[in-house]
């Protein structure tokens, strides 16, 4: 749960920075957020969550 919240905050910050730097416009940013919500409700959502959890675990194990 903590990893999911942390990644959500991280991706939110990245989206905000891209929007503020004008690398991504407002409506494309909204479309990306809605795509993320839609993707998470499909069958691939748990697989993406597991992949991200495994990636974070591997990175934390490599750092220690």
C-alpha atoms as a PDB file:
ATOM      1  CA  UNK A   1       0.000   0.000   0.000  1.00  0.00           C
ATOM      2  CA  UNK A   2       2.765   2.450   0.903  1.00  0.00           C
ATOM      3  CA  UNK A   3       4.545   1.749  -2.378  1.00  0.00           C
ATOM      4  CA  UNK A   4       1.365   2.390  -4.356  1.00  0.00           C
ATOM      5  CA  UNK A   5       0.749   5.716  -2.630  1.00  0.00           C
ATOM      6  CA  UNK A   6       4.380   6.752  -3.068  1.00  0.00           C
ATOM      7  CA  UNK A   7       4.341   5.921  -6.769  1.00  0.00           C
ATOM      8  CA  UNK A   8       1.037   7.735  -7.220  1.00  0.00           C
ATOM      9  CA  UNK A   9       2.550  10.836  -5.625  1.00  0.00           C
ATOM     10  CA  UNK A  10       5.718  10.476  -7.726  1.00  0.00           C
ATOM     11  CA  UNK A  11       3.779  10.137 -10.976  1.00  0.00           C
ATOM     12  CA  UNK A  12       1.567  13.049  -9.936  1.00  0.00           C
ATOM     13  CA  UNK A  13       4.637  15.215  -9.388  1.00  0.00           C
ATOM     14  CA  UNK A  14       6.110  14.145 -12.732  1.00  0.00           C
ATOM     15  CA  UNK A  15       2.836  15.001 -14.479  1.00  0.00           C
ATOM     16  CA  UNK A  16       2.715  18.391 -12.744  1.00  0.00           C
ATOM     17  CA  UNK A  17       6.326  19.167 -13.705  1.00  0.00           C
ATOM     18  CA  UNK A  18       5.719  18.182 -17.317  1.00  0.00           C
ATOM     19  CA  UNK A  19       2.599  20.338 -17.386  1.00  0.00           C
ATOM     20  CA  UNK A  20       4.348  23.323 -15.770  1.00  0.00           C
ATOM     21  CA  UNK A  21       7.319  23.058 -18.156  1.00  0.00           C
ATOM     22  CA  UNK A  22       4.851  22.962 -21.054  1.00  0.00           C
ATOM     23  CA  UNK A  23       6.184  19.598 -22.207  1.00  0.00           C
ATOM     24  CA  UNK A  24       2.616  18.293 -21.889  1.00  0.00           C
ATOM     25  CA  UNK A  25      -0.522  20.376 -22.311  1.00  0.00           C
ATOM     26  CA  UNK A  26      -3.462  20.371 -19.909  1.00  0.00           C
ATOM     27  CA  UNK A  27      -5.778  18.125 -21.932  1.00  0.00           C
ATOM     28  CA  UNK A  28      -3.101  15.536 -22.777  1.00  0.00           C
ATOM     29  CA  UNK A  29      -2.245  15.400 -19.051  1.00  0.00           C
ATOM     30  CA  UNK A  30      -5.925  14.860 -18.224  1.00  0.00           C
ATOM     31  CA  UNK A  31      -6.084  12.137 -20.883  1.00  0.00           C
ATOM     32  CA  UNK A  32      -3.040  10.406 -19.349  1.00  0.00           C
ATOM     33  CA  UNK A  33      -4.570  10.476 -15.873  1.00  0.00           C
ATOM     34  CA  UNK A  34      -7.873   9.093 -17.154  1.00  0.00           C
ATOM     35  CA  UNK A  35      -6.011   6.417 -19.100  1.00  0.00           C
ATOM     36  CA  UNK A  36      -4.230   5.397 -15.910  1.00  0.00           C
ATOM     37  CA  UNK A  37      -7.506   5.086 -14.016  1.00  0.00           C
ATOM     38  CA  UNK A  38      -9.066   3.121 -16.861  1.00  0.00           C
ATOM     39  CA  UNK A  39      -6.053   0.839 -17.196  1.00  0.00           C
ATOM     40  CA  UNK A  40      -6.033   0.084 -13.474  1.00  0.00           C
ATOM     41  CA  UNK A  41      -9.615  -1.174 -13.629  1.00  0.00           C
ATOM     42  CA  UNK A  42      -8.856  -3.711 -16.373  1.00  0.00           C
ATOM     43  CA  UNK A  43      -7.359  -7.151 -15.964  1.00  0.00           C
ATOM     44  CA  UNK A  44      -3.862  -5.805 -16.533  1.00  0.00           C
ATOM     45  CA  UNK A  45      -4.066  -3.522 -13.452  1.00  0.00           C
ATOM     46  CA  UNK A  46      -2.929  -6.153 -10.914  1.00  0.00           C
ATOM     47  CA  UNK A  47      -0.087  -7.231 -13.214  1.00  0.00           C
ATOM     48  CA  UNK A  48       1.172  -3.644 -13.498  1.00  0.00           C
ATOM     49  CA  UNK A  49       0.901  -3.231  -9.735  1.00  0.00           C
ATOM     50  CA  UNK A  50       2.898  -6.447  -9.185  1.00  0.00           C
ATOM     51  CA  UNK A  51       5.523  -5.348 -11.717  1.00  0.00           C
ATOM     52  CA  UNK A  52       5.965  -1.997  -9.970  1.00  0.00           C
ATOM     53  CA  UNK A  53       6.142  -3.685  -6.559  1.00  0.00           C
ATOM     54  CA  UNK A  54       8.810  -6.096  -7.812  1.00  0.00           C
ATOM     55  CA  UNK A  55      10.761  -3.220  -9.369  1.00  0.00           C
ATOM     56  CA  UNK A  56      10.715  -1.200  -6.155  1.00  0.00           C
ATOM     57  CA  UNK A  57      11.735  -4.264  -4.133  1.00  0.00           C
ATOM     58  CA  UNK A  58      14.615  -4.991  -6.503  1.00  0.00           C
ATOM     59  CA  UNK A  59      15.791  -1.373  -6.349  1.00  0.00           C
ATOM     60  CA  UNK A  60      15.645  -1.315  -2.561  1.00  0.00           C
ATOM     61  CA  UNK A  61      17.545  -4.617  -2.345  1.00  0.00           C
ATOM     62  CA  UNK A  62      20.195  -3.310  -4.770  1.00  0.00           C
ATOM     63  CA  UNK A  63      20.607  -0.118  -2.727  1.00  0.00           C
ATOM     64  CA  UNK A  64      21.242  -1.993   0.532  1.00  0.00           C
END
